[in-house]
Amino acid sequence: QVARSVFDGKYRVTNPDSGSVDCQYWVCKQRLESSVYLQQLVEATMTKNTFERVAEPLFLGYYYKDKKHQDQTVKVDAMLKMFDQIKTPADQKQKVAFPEAGTHVIGCKLYSGAWKDVEAATFQFAEEKLGLVPVNN
């Protein structure tokens, strides 16, 4: 009920222009209950027990410049803690901070100041750790 009062209805609208570039890539109108359910999913599944069962190669890219300038959508310290708990051998996982990204969506050229760096680091990881071969289009 409180959320409905705050958001004046059943939905959280991040951009009222459904034809905007944002809304082409992201959901700009969502039911308020979805945030509650997402939080419950995170709390139930994003645990040390879950992370210790992951042994696949891992690339973790994230926005962090300093305490004031960092990802405001997810907790950077939680991502780094997860990274340390993942069972993947150290030589098969990599974490990279992108201080110039300026946003949660680090790989998005619409918003990120580091999307080219993110792309380059991701491709390098894919080639070196996953053995993928680039395809020129």
Foldseek 3Di string as FASTA:
>chain_A
DVVCVVCVHQWQAQDPPCPDPCNVPDPRIDGPCVVVVVVVVCVVQVDLVNQQPAAAQEEAEAEDDDPVQGEPVDDPVSVVVSVVSHNHPPVRYYYDYDPQQSYGCCLDPVRGPCNVVVVVVVVVSCCPRVVDDDDDD
